[in-house]
Protein backbone atom coordinates (compact mmCIF):
# COMPACT_ATOMS: atom_id res chain seq x y z
CA UNK A 1 0.00 0.00 0.00
CA UNK A 2 1.09 3.52 -0.58
CA UNK A 3 2.15 5.54 2.45
CA UNK A 4 -1.07 7.54 2.62
CA UNK A 5 -3.12 4.32 2.60
CA UNK A 6 -0.97 2.85 5.36
CA UNK A 7 -1.32 6.05 7.39
CA UNK A 8 -5.15 5.85 7.12
CA UNK A 9 -5.23 2.44 8.77
CA UNK A 10 -2.81 -0.44 9.26
CA UNK A 11 -2.34 -3.66 11.20
CA UNK A 12 1.22 -2.89 12.24
CA UNK A 13 2.87 -4.54 9.25
CA UNK A 14 5.95 -3.16 7.52
CA UNK A 15 4.84 -0.94 4.64
CA UNK A 16 6.59 -1.61 1.31
CA UNK A 17 4.69 0.23 -1.45
CA UNK A 18 4.54 -1.59 -4.79
CA UNK A 19 5.69 1.61 -6.51
CA UNK A 20 9.12 1.15 -4.90
CA UNK A 21 8.92 -2.55 -4.01
CA UNK A 22 11.95 -3.71 -5.99
CA UNK A 23 14.23 -1.44 -3.97
CA UNK A 24 13.25 -3.36 -0.81
CA UNK A 25 14.09 -6.84 -2.16
CA UNK A 26 17.73 -6.82 -0.94
CA UNK A 27 16.50 -6.03 2.59
CA UNK A 28 14.15 -9.02 2.44
CA UNK A 29 16.72 -11.62 1.32
CA UNK A 30 17.05 -13.04 4.83
CA UNK A 31 13.35 -13.97 4.70
CA UNK A 32 13.58 -16.18 1.59
CA UNK A 33 12.93 -19.36 3.59
CA UNK A 34 10.40 -17.79 5.99
CA UNK A 35 6.66 -17.28 5.64
CA UNK A 36 6.07 -13.84 4.11
CA UNK A 37 2.53 -12.45 4.13
CA UNK A 38 1.69 -9.56 1.81
CA UNK A 39 -1.40 -7.38 1.68
CA UNK A 40 -2.63 -4.19 0.08
CA UNK A 41 -5.94 -2.34 0.12
CA UNK A 42 -7.93 -4.76 -2.08
CA UNK A 43 -5.53 -7.60 -2.94
CA UNK A 44 -4.38 -6.71 -6.47
CA UNK A 45 -1.09 -5.00 -5.75
CA UNK A 46 -0.17 -7.54 -3.10
CA UNK A 47 -0.82 -10.29 -5.65
CA UNK A 48 1.77 -8.59 -7.87
CA UNK A 49 4.19 -8.28 -4.94
CA UNK A 50 3.70 -11.96 -4.08
CA UNK A 51 4.46 -12.95 -7.68
CA UNK A 52 7.65 -10.85 -7.62
CA UNK A 53 8.79 -12.46 -4.37
CA UNK A 54 8.09 -15.95 -5.72
CA UNK A 55 10.05 -15.16 -8.90
CA UNK A 56 12.92 -13.96 -6.70
CA UNK A 57 13.01 -17.35 -4.95
CA UNK A 58 10.95 -16.70 -1.82
CA UNK A 59 9.58 -20.08 -0.79
CA UNK A 60 6.49 -19.38 1.36
CA UNK A 61 4.62 -16.28 0.19
CA UNK A 62 0.99 -15.69 1.12
CA UNK A 63 -1.31 -12.96 -0.18
CA UNK A 64 -4.23 -11.69 1.92
CA UNK A 65 -7.08 -12.12 -0.58
CA UNK A 66 -9.34 -9.08 -0.48
CA UNK A 67 -6.62 -7.01 1.15
CA UNK A 68 -6.88 -4.80 4.18
CA UNK A 69 -10.50 -4.00 3.29
CA UNK A 70 -11.41 -7.67 3.76
CA UNK A 71 -9.40 -7.77 7.00
CA UNK A 72 -11.25 -4.69 8.24
CA UNK A 73 -14.62 -6.30 7.45
CA UNK A 74 -13.74 -9.56 9.21
CA UNK A 75 -11.88 -8.08 12.17
CA UNK A 76 -13.42 -4.68 12.98
CA UNK A 77 -11.49 -2.75 15.58
CA UNK A 78 -8.26 -4.68 14.92
CA UNK A 79 -6.53 -1.88 13.02
CA UNK A 80 -4.19 0.87 14.17
PDB file of N, CA and C in Angstrom:
ATOM      1  N   UNK A   1       0.839  -1.183   0.000  1.00  0.00           N
ATOM      2  CA  UNK A   1       0.000   0.000   0.000  1.00  0.00           C
ATOM      3  C   UNK A   1       0.874   1.232   0.000  1.00  0.00           C
ATOM      4  N   UNK A   2       0.357   2.264  -0.588  1.00  0.00           N
ATOM      5  CA  UNK A   2       1.093   3.525  -0.584  1.00  0.00           C
ATOM      6  C   UNK A   2       1.073   4.107   0.832  1.00  0.00           C
ATOM      7  N   UNK A   3       1.995   5.006   1.105  1.00  0.00           N
ATOM      8  CA  UNK A   3       2.155   5.544   2.454  1.00  0.00           C
ATOM      9  C   UNK A   3       0.867   6.152   2.985  1.00  0.00           C
ATOM     10  N   UNK A   4       0.168   6.905   2.154  1.00  0.00           N
ATOM     11  CA  UNK A   4      -1.065   7.544   2.622  1.00  0.00           C
ATOM     12  C   UNK A   4      -2.118   6.508   2.990  1.00  0.00           C
ATOM     13  N   UNK A   5      -2.164   5.380   2.270  1.00  0.00           N
ATOM     14  CA  UNK A   5      -3.116   4.317   2.601  1.00  0.00           C
ATOM     15  C   UNK A   5      -2.746   3.671   3.937  1.00  0.00           C
ATOM     16  N   UNK A   6      -1.461   3.433   4.113  1.00  0.00           N
ATOM     17  CA  UNK A   6      -0.970   2.852   5.363  1.00  0.00           C
ATOM     18  C   UNK A   6      -1.272   3.780   6.536  1.00  0.00           C
ATOM     19  N   UNK A   7      -1.079   5.078   6.326  1.00  0.00           N
ATOM     20  CA  UNK A   7      -1.324   6.046   7.393  1.00  0.00           C
ATOM     21  C   UNK A   7      -2.805   6.110   7.784  1.00  0.00           C
ATOM     22  N   UNK A   8      -3.711   5.849   6.827  1.00  0.00           N
ATOM     23  CA  UNK A   8      -5.148   5.852   7.116  1.00  0.00           C
ATOM     24  C   UNK A   8      -5.511   4.761   8.108  1.00  0.00           C
ATOM     25  N   UNK A   9      -5.030   3.559   7.856  1.00  0.00           N
ATOM     26  CA  UNK A   9      -5.225   2.437   8.775  1.00  0.00           C
ATOM     27  C   UNK A   9      -4.233   1.347   8.431  1.00  0.00           C
ATOM     28  N   UNK A  10      -3.782   0.634   9.470  1.00  0.00           N
ATOM     29  CA  UNK A  10      -2.810  -0.438   9.259  1.00  0.00           C
ATOM     30  C   UNK A  10      -2.932  -1.452  10.381  1.00  0.00           C
ATOM     31  N   UNK A  11      -2.318  -2.600  10.192  1.00  0.00           N
ATOM     32  CA  UNK A  11      -2.339  -3.662  11.198  1.00  0.00           C
ATOM     33  C   UNK A  11      -0.961  -3.842  11.826  1.00  0.00           C
ATOM     34  N   UNK A  12      -0.108  -2.841  11.646  1.00  0.00           N
ATOM     35  CA  UNK A  12       1.218  -2.885  12.245  1.00  0.00           C
ATOM     36  C   UNK A  12       2.266  -3.569  11.386  1.00  0.00           C
ATOM     37  N   UNK A  13       1.923  -3.894  10.162  1.00  0.00           N
ATOM     38  CA  UNK A  13       2.868  -4.545   9.254  1.00  0.00           C
ATOM     39  C   UNK A  13       3.868  -3.530   8.706  1.00  0.00           C
ATOM     40  N   UNK A  14       4.969  -4.031   8.190  1.00  0.00           N
ATOM     41  CA  UNK A  14       5.946  -3.164   7.522  1.00  0.00           C
ATOM     42  C   UNK A  14       5.349  -2.736   6.184  1.00  0.00           C
ATOM     43  N   UNK A  15       5.415  -1.461   5.879  1.00  0.00           N
ATOM     44  CA  UNK A  15       4.837  -0.942   4.642  1.00  0.00           C
ATOM     45  C   UNK A  15       5.895  -0.855   3.548  1.00  0.00           C
ATOM     46  N   UNK A  16       5.692  -1.619   2.468  1.00  0.00           N
ATOM     47  CA  UNK A  16       6.591  -1.608   1.311  1.00  0.00           C
ATOM     48  C   UNK A  16       5.742  -1.350   0.069  1.00  0.00           C
ATOM     49  N   UNK A  17       5.545  -0.097  -0.316  1.00  0.00           N
ATOM     50  CA  UNK A  17       4.687   0.225  -1.453  1.00  0.00           C
ATOM     51  C   UNK A  17       5.157  -0.450  -2.746  1.00  0.00           C
ATOM     52  N   UNK A  18       4.206  -0.930  -3.530  1.00  0.00           N
ATOM     53  CA  UNK A  18       4.539  -1.594  -4.790  1.00  0.00           C
ATOM     54  C   UNK A  18       5.308  -0.656  -5.718  1.00  0.00           C
ATOM     55  N   UNK A  19       5.017   0.642  -5.634  1.00  0.00           N
ATOM     56  CA  UNK A  19       5.688   1.607  -6.511  1.00  0.00           C
ATOM     57  C   UNK A  19       7.199   1.636  -6.311  1.00  0.00           C
ATOM     58  N   UNK A  20       7.676   1.207  -5.148  1.00  0.00           N
ATOM     59  CA  UNK A  20       9.123   1.153  -4.898  1.00  0.00           C
ATOM     60  C   UNK A  20       9.548  -0.214  -4.357  1.00  0.00           C
ATOM     61  N   UNK A  21       8.729  -1.223  -4.598  1.00  0.00           N
ATOM     62  CA  UNK A  21       8.918  -2.547  -4.009  1.00  0.00           C
ATOM     63  C   UNK A  21      10.271  -3.171  -4.337  1.00  0.00           C
ATOM     64  N   UNK A  22      10.701  -3.060  -5.578  1.00  0.00           N
ATOM     65  CA  UNK A  22      11.954  -3.709  -5.988  1.00  0.00           C
ATOM     66  C   UNK A  22      13.150  -3.201  -5.183  1.00  0.00           C
ATOM     67  N   UNK A  23      13.104  -1.970  -4.744  1.00  0.00           N
ATOM     68  CA  UNK A  23      14.228  -1.438  -3.970  1.00  0.00           C
ATOM     69  C   UNK A  23      14.324  -2.075  -2.584  1.00  0.00           C
ATOM     70  N   UNK A  24      13.252  -2.709  -2.121  1.00  0.00           N
ATOM     71  CA  UNK A  24      13.254  -3.358  -0.808  1.00  0.00           C
ATOM     72  C   UNK A  24      13.717  -4.809  -0.856  1.00  0.00           C
ATOM     73  N   UNK A  25      13.769  -5.416  -2.038  1.00  0.00           N
ATOM     74  CA  UNK A  25      14.092  -6.843  -2.161  1.00  0.00           C
ATOM     75  C   UNK A  25      15.405  -7.201  -1.456  1.00  0.00           C
ATOM     76  N   UNK A  26      16.493  -6.448  -1.638  1.00  0.00           N
ATOM     77  CA  UNK A  26      17.731  -6.822  -0.936  1.00  0.00           C
ATOM     78  C   UNK A  26      17.564  -6.890   0.584  1.00  0.00           C
ATOM     79  N   UNK A  27      16.729  -6.026   1.144  1.00  0.00           N
ATOM     80  CA  UNK A  27      16.498  -6.030   2.589  1.00  0.00           C
ATOM     81  C   UNK A  27      15.692  -7.243   3.044  1.00  0.00           C
ATOM     82  N   UNK A  28      15.006  -7.884   2.106  1.00  0.00           N
ATOM     83  CA  UNK A  28      14.148  -9.023   2.441  1.00  0.00           C
ATOM     84  C   UNK A  28      14.823 -10.369   2.222  1.00  0.00           C
ATOM     85  N   UNK A  29      16.018 -10.370   1.665  1.00  0.00           N
ATOM     86  CA  UNK A  29      16.716 -11.618   1.316  1.00  0.00           C
ATOM     87  C   UNK A  29      16.757 -12.620   2.467  1.00  0.00           C
ATOM     88  N   UNK A  30      16.942 -12.137   3.683  1.00  0.00           N
ATOM     89  CA  UNK A  30      17.054 -13.044   4.832  1.00  0.00           C
ATOM     90  C   UNK A  30      15.738 -13.775   5.123  1.00  0.00           C
ATOM     91  N   UNK A  31      14.654 -13.343   4.488  1.00  0.00           N
ATOM     92  CA  UNK A  31      13.347 -13.967   4.703  1.00  0.00           C
ATOM     93  C   UNK A  31      12.980 -14.987   3.628  1.00  0.00           C
ATOM     94  N   UNK A  32      13.893 -15.296   2.719  1.00  0.00           N
ATOM     95  CA  UNK A  32      13.577 -16.175   1.589  1.00  0.00           C
ATOM     96  C   UNK A  32      13.000 -17.522   2.000  1.00  0.00           C
ATOM     97  N   UNK A  33      13.414 -18.053   3.146  1.00  0.00           N
ATOM     98  CA  UNK A  33      12.932 -19.355   3.594  1.00  0.00           C
ATOM     99  C   UNK A  33      11.852 -19.245   4.669  1.00  0.00           C
ATOM    100  N   UNK A  34      11.425 -18.024   4.963  1.00  0.00           N
ATOM    101  CA  UNK A  34      10.403 -17.790   5.991  1.00  0.00           C
ATOM    102  C   UNK A  34       9.045 -17.545   5.334  1.00  0.00           C
ATOM    103  N   UNK A  35       7.986 -17.652   6.131  1.00  0.00           N
ATOM    104  CA  UNK A  35       6.663 -17.277   5.643  1.00  0.00           C
ATOM    105  C   UNK A  35       6.618 -15.753   5.520  1.00  0.00           C
ATOM    106  N   UNK A  36       6.217 -15.271   4.354  1.00  0.00           N
ATOM    107  CA  UNK A  36       6.071 -13.836   4.109  1.00  0.00           C
ATOM    108  C   UNK A  36       4.622 -13.606   3.690  1.00  0.00           C
ATOM    109  N   UNK A  37       3.933 -12.743   4.414  1.00  0.00           N
ATOM    110  CA  UNK A  37       2.532 -12.448   4.125  1.00  0.00           C
ATOM    111  C   UNK A  37       2.457 -11.032   3.582  1.00  0.00           C
ATOM    112  N   UNK A  38       1.820 -10.874   2.430  1.00  0.00           N
ATOM    113  CA  UNK A  38       1.693  -9.557   1.807  1.00  0.00           C
ATOM    114  C   UNK A  38       0.218  -9.175   1.727  1.00  0.00           C
ATOM    115  N   UNK A  39      -0.039  -7.878   1.832  1.00  0.00           N
ATOM    116  CA  UNK A  39      -1.401  -7.380   1.677  1.00  0.00           C
ATOM    117  C   UNK A  39      -1.361  -5.960   1.129  1.00  0.00           C
ATOM    118  N   UNK A  40      -2.461  -5.560   0.543  1.00  0.00           N
ATOM    119  CA  UNK A  40      -2.633  -4.185   0.075  1.00  0.00           C
ATOM    120  C   UNK A  40      -4.062  -3.780   0.430  1.00  0.00           C
ATOM    121  N   UNK A  41      -4.589  -2.795  -0.221  1.00  0.00           N
ATOM    122  CA  UNK A  41      -5.940  -2.344   0.121  1.00  0.00           C
ATOM    123  C   UNK A  41      -7.001  -3.356  -0.306  1.00  0.00           C
ATOM    124  N   UNK A  42      -6.903  -3.860  -1.549  1.00  0.00           N
ATOM    125  CA  UNK A  42      -7.931  -4.756  -2.075  1.00  0.00           C
ATOM    126  C   UNK A  42      -7.407  -6.131  -2.498  1.00  0.00           C
ATOM    127  N   UNK A  43      -6.102  -6.305  -2.591  1.00  0.00           N
ATOM    128  CA  UNK A  43      -5.529  -7.602  -2.943  1.00  0.00           C
ATOM    129  C   UNK A  43      -4.804  -7.659  -4.272  1.00  0.00           C
ATOM    130  N   UNK A  44      -5.009  -6.692  -5.145  1.00  0.00           N
ATOM    131  CA  UNK A  44      -4.385  -6.715  -6.469  1.00  0.00           C
ATOM    132  C   UNK A  44      -2.892  -6.422  -6.463  1.00  0.00           C
ATOM    133  N   UNK A  45      -2.512  -5.354  -5.796  1.00  0.00           N
ATOM    134  CA  UNK A  45      -1.089  -4.999  -5.751  1.00  0.00           C
ATOM    135  C   UNK A  45      -0.292  -6.015  -4.949  1.00  0.00           C
ATOM    136  N   UNK A  46      -0.896  -6.540  -3.887  1.00  0.00           N
ATOM    137  CA  UNK A  46      -0.174  -7.545  -3.101  1.00  0.00           C
ATOM    138  C   UNK A  46      -0.022  -8.839  -3.890  1.00  0.00           C
ATOM    139  N   UNK A  47      -0.969  -9.128  -4.785  1.00  0.00           N
ATOM    140  CA  UNK A  47      -0.825 -10.293  -5.652  1.00  0.00           C
ATOM    141  C   UNK A  47       0.395 -10.102  -6.558  1.00  0.00           C
ATOM    142  N   UNK A  48       0.596  -8.893  -7.055  1.00  0.00           N
ATOM    143  CA  UNK A  48       1.773  -8.594  -7.870  1.00  0.00           C
ATOM    144  C   UNK A  48       3.053  -8.719  -7.038  1.00  0.00           C
ATOM    145  N   UNK A  49       3.022  -8.195  -5.818  1.00  0.00           N
ATOM    146  CA  UNK A  49       4.194  -8.280  -4.939  1.00  0.00           C
ATOM    147  C   UNK A  49       4.516  -9.734  -4.615  1.00  0.00           C
ATOM    148  N   UNK A  50       3.486 -10.539  -4.366  1.00  0.00           N
ATOM    149  CA  UNK A  50       3.695 -11.963  -4.076  1.00  0.00           C
ATOM    150  C   UNK A  50       4.342 -12.660  -5.264  1.00  0.00           C
ATOM    151  N   UNK A  51       3.887 -12.342  -6.470  1.00  0.00           N
ATOM    152  CA  UNK A  51       4.465 -12.948  -7.676  1.00  0.00           C
ATOM    153  C   UNK A  51       5.936 -12.557  -7.823  1.00  0.00           C
ATOM    154  N   UNK A  52       6.256 -11.307  -7.552  1.00  0.00           N
ATOM    155  CA  UNK A  52       7.654 -10.853  -7.624  1.00  0.00           C
ATOM    156  C   UNK A  52       8.506 -11.630  -6.628  1.00  0.00           C
ATOM    157  N   UNK A  53       8.031 -11.739  -5.395  1.00  0.00           N
ATOM    158  CA  UNK A  53       8.788 -12.463  -4.370  1.00  0.00           C
ATOM    159  C   UNK A  53       9.004 -13.921  -4.770  1.00  0.00           C
ATOM    160  N   UNK A  54       7.958 -14.554  -5.290  1.00  0.00           N
ATOM    161  CA  UNK A  54       8.094 -15.948  -5.723  1.00  0.00           C
ATOM    162  C   UNK A  54       9.106 -16.071  -6.856  1.00  0.00           C
ATOM    163  N   UNK A  55       9.078 -15.142  -7.806  1.00  0.00           N
ATOM    164  CA  UNK A  55      10.049 -15.159  -8.904  1.00  0.00           C
ATOM    165  C   UNK A  55      11.471 -14.947  -8.394  1.00  0.00           C
ATOM    166  N   UNK A  56      11.602 -14.235  -7.274  1.00  0.00           N
ATOM    167  CA  UNK A  56      12.922 -13.965  -6.699  1.00  0.00           C
ATOM    168  C   UNK A  56      13.390 -15.103  -5.788  1.00  0.00           C
ATOM    169  N   UNK A  57      12.601 -16.177  -5.705  1.00  0.00           N
ATOM    170  CA  UNK A  57      13.014 -17.350  -4.946  1.00  0.00           C
ATOM    171  C   UNK A  57      12.495 -17.450  -3.524  1.00  0.00           C
ATOM    172  N   UNK A  58      11.551 -16.590  -3.146  1.00  0.00           N
ATOM    173  CA  UNK A  58      10.954 -16.704  -1.819  1.00  0.00           C
ATOM    174  C   UNK A  58      10.054 -17.934  -1.813  1.00  0.00           C
ATOM    175  N   UNK A  59      10.178 -18.752  -0.779  1.00  0.00           N
ATOM    176  CA  UNK A  59       9.584 -20.081  -0.788  1.00  0.00           C
ATOM    177  C   UNK A  59       8.172 -20.169  -0.213  1.00  0.00           C
ATOM    178  N   UNK A  60       7.781 -19.265   0.676  1.00  0.00           N
ATOM    179  CA  UNK A  60       6.490 -19.382   1.359  1.00  0.00           C
ATOM    180  C   UNK A  60       5.808 -18.020   1.422  1.00  0.00           C
ATOM    181  N   UNK A  61       5.252 -17.595   0.289  1.00  0.00           N
ATOM    182  CA  UNK A  61       4.623 -16.278   0.185  1.00  0.00           C
ATOM    183  C   UNK A  61       3.105 -16.449   0.198  1.00  0.00           C
ATOM    184  N   UNK A  62       2.451 -15.661   1.031  1.00  0.00           N
ATOM    185  CA  UNK A  62       0.993 -15.691   1.121  1.00  0.00           C
ATOM    186  C   UNK A  62       0.457 -14.283   0.855  1.00  0.00           C
ATOM    187  N   UNK A  63      -0.651 -14.221   0.117  1.00  0.00           N
ATOM    188  CA  UNK A  63      -1.315 -12.964  -0.175  1.00  0.00           C
ATOM    189  C   UNK A  63      -2.646 -12.936   0.567  1.00  0.00           C
ATOM    190  N   UNK A  64      -2.945 -11.844   1.256  1.00  0.00           N
ATOM    191  CA  UNK A  64      -4.235 -11.688   1.922  1.00  0.00           C
ATOM    192  C   UNK A  64      -5.262 -11.334   0.848  1.00  0.00           C
ATOM    193  N   UNK A  65      -6.066 -12.320   0.461  1.00  0.00           N
ATOM    194  CA  UNK A  65      -7.081 -12.124  -0.577  1.00  0.00           C
ATOM    195  C   UNK A  65      -8.119 -11.123  -0.068  1.00  0.00           C
ATOM    196  N   UNK A  66      -8.406 -10.120  -0.873  1.00  0.00           N
ATOM    197  CA  UNK A  66      -9.342  -9.075  -0.476  1.00  0.00           C
ATOM    198  C   UNK A  66      -8.685  -7.921   0.254  1.00  0.00           C
ATOM    199  N   UNK A  67      -7.410  -8.089   0.570  1.00  0.00           N
ATOM    200  CA  UNK A  67      -6.618  -7.014   1.152  1.00  0.00           C
ATOM    201  C   UNK A  67      -7.066  -6.550   2.526  1.00  0.00           C
ATOM    202  N   UNK A  68      -6.606  -5.368   2.871  1.00  0.00           N
ATOM    203  CA  UNK A  68      -6.885  -4.795   4.182  1.00  0.00           C
ATOM    204  C   UNK A  68      -8.369  -4.488   4.334  1.00  0.00           C
ATOM    205  N   UNK A  69      -9.058  -4.245   3.227  1.00  0.00           N
ATOM    206  CA  UNK A  69     -10.504  -4.002   3.295  1.00  0.00           C
ATOM    207  C   UNK A  69     -11.232  -5.252   3.777  1.00  0.00           C
ATOM    208  N   UNK A  70     -10.824  -6.410   3.303  1.00  0.00           N
ATOM    209  CA  UNK A  70     -11.414  -7.675   3.756  1.00  0.00           C
ATOM    210  C   UNK A  70     -11.070  -7.916   5.224  1.00  0.00           C
ATOM    211  N   UNK A  71      -9.824  -7.641   5.597  1.00  0.00           N
ATOM    212  CA  UNK A  71      -9.397  -7.775   6.996  1.00  0.00           C
ATOM    213  C   UNK A  71     -10.279  -6.899   7.887  1.00  0.00           C
ATOM    214  N   UNK A  72     -10.464  -5.646   7.456  1.00  0.00           N
ATOM    215  CA  UNK A  72     -11.248  -4.694   8.237  1.00  0.00           C
ATOM    216  C   UNK A  72     -12.689  -5.180   8.413  1.00  0.00           C
ATOM    217  N   UNK A  73     -13.255  -5.783   7.366  1.00  0.00           N
ATOM    218  CA  UNK A  73     -14.623  -6.297   7.447  1.00  0.00           C
ATOM    219  C   UNK A  73     -14.721  -7.495   8.396  1.00  0.00           C
ATOM    220  N   UNK A  74     -13.709  -8.350   8.384  1.00  0.00           N
ATOM    221  CA  UNK A  74     -13.741  -9.561   9.209  1.00  0.00           C
ATOM    222  C   UNK A  74     -13.306  -9.313  10.650  1.00  0.00           C
ATOM    223  N   UNK A  75     -12.424  -8.342  10.842  1.00  0.00           N
ATOM    224  CA  UNK A  75     -11.877  -8.076  12.171  1.00  0.00           C
ATOM    225  C   UNK A  75     -12.023  -6.597  12.531  1.00  0.00           C
ATOM    226  N   UNK A  76     -13.247  -6.110  12.653  1.00  0.00           N
ATOM    227  CA  UNK A  76     -13.419  -4.685  12.976  1.00  0.00           C
ATOM    228  C   UNK A  76     -12.766  -4.351  14.314  1.00  0.00           C
ATOM    229  N   UNK A  77     -12.147  -3.188  14.361  1.00  0.00           N
ATOM    230  CA  UNK A  77     -11.490  -2.751  15.584  1.00  0.00           C
ATOM    231  C   UNK A  77     -10.094  -3.300  15.769  1.00  0.00           C
ATOM    232  N   UNK A  78      -9.585  -4.075  14.805  1.00  0.00           N
ATOM    233  CA  UNK A  78      -8.258  -4.679  14.924  1.00  0.00           C
ATOM    234  C   UNK A  78      -7.217  -3.934  14.098  1.00  0.00           C
ATOM    235  N   UNK A  79      -7.453  -2.677  13.822  1.00  0.00           N
ATOM    236  CA  UNK A  79      -6.526  -1.875  13.025  1.00  0.00           C
ATOM    237  C   UNK A  79      -5.984  -0.733  13.861  1.00  0.00           C
ATOM    238  N   UNK A  80      -4.778  -0.293  13.504  1.00  0.00           N
ATOM    239  CA  UNK A  80      -4.192   0.875  14.170  1.00  0.00           C
ATOM    240  C   UNK A  80      -4.786   2.133  13.589  1.00  0.00           C
TER     241      UNK A  80
END
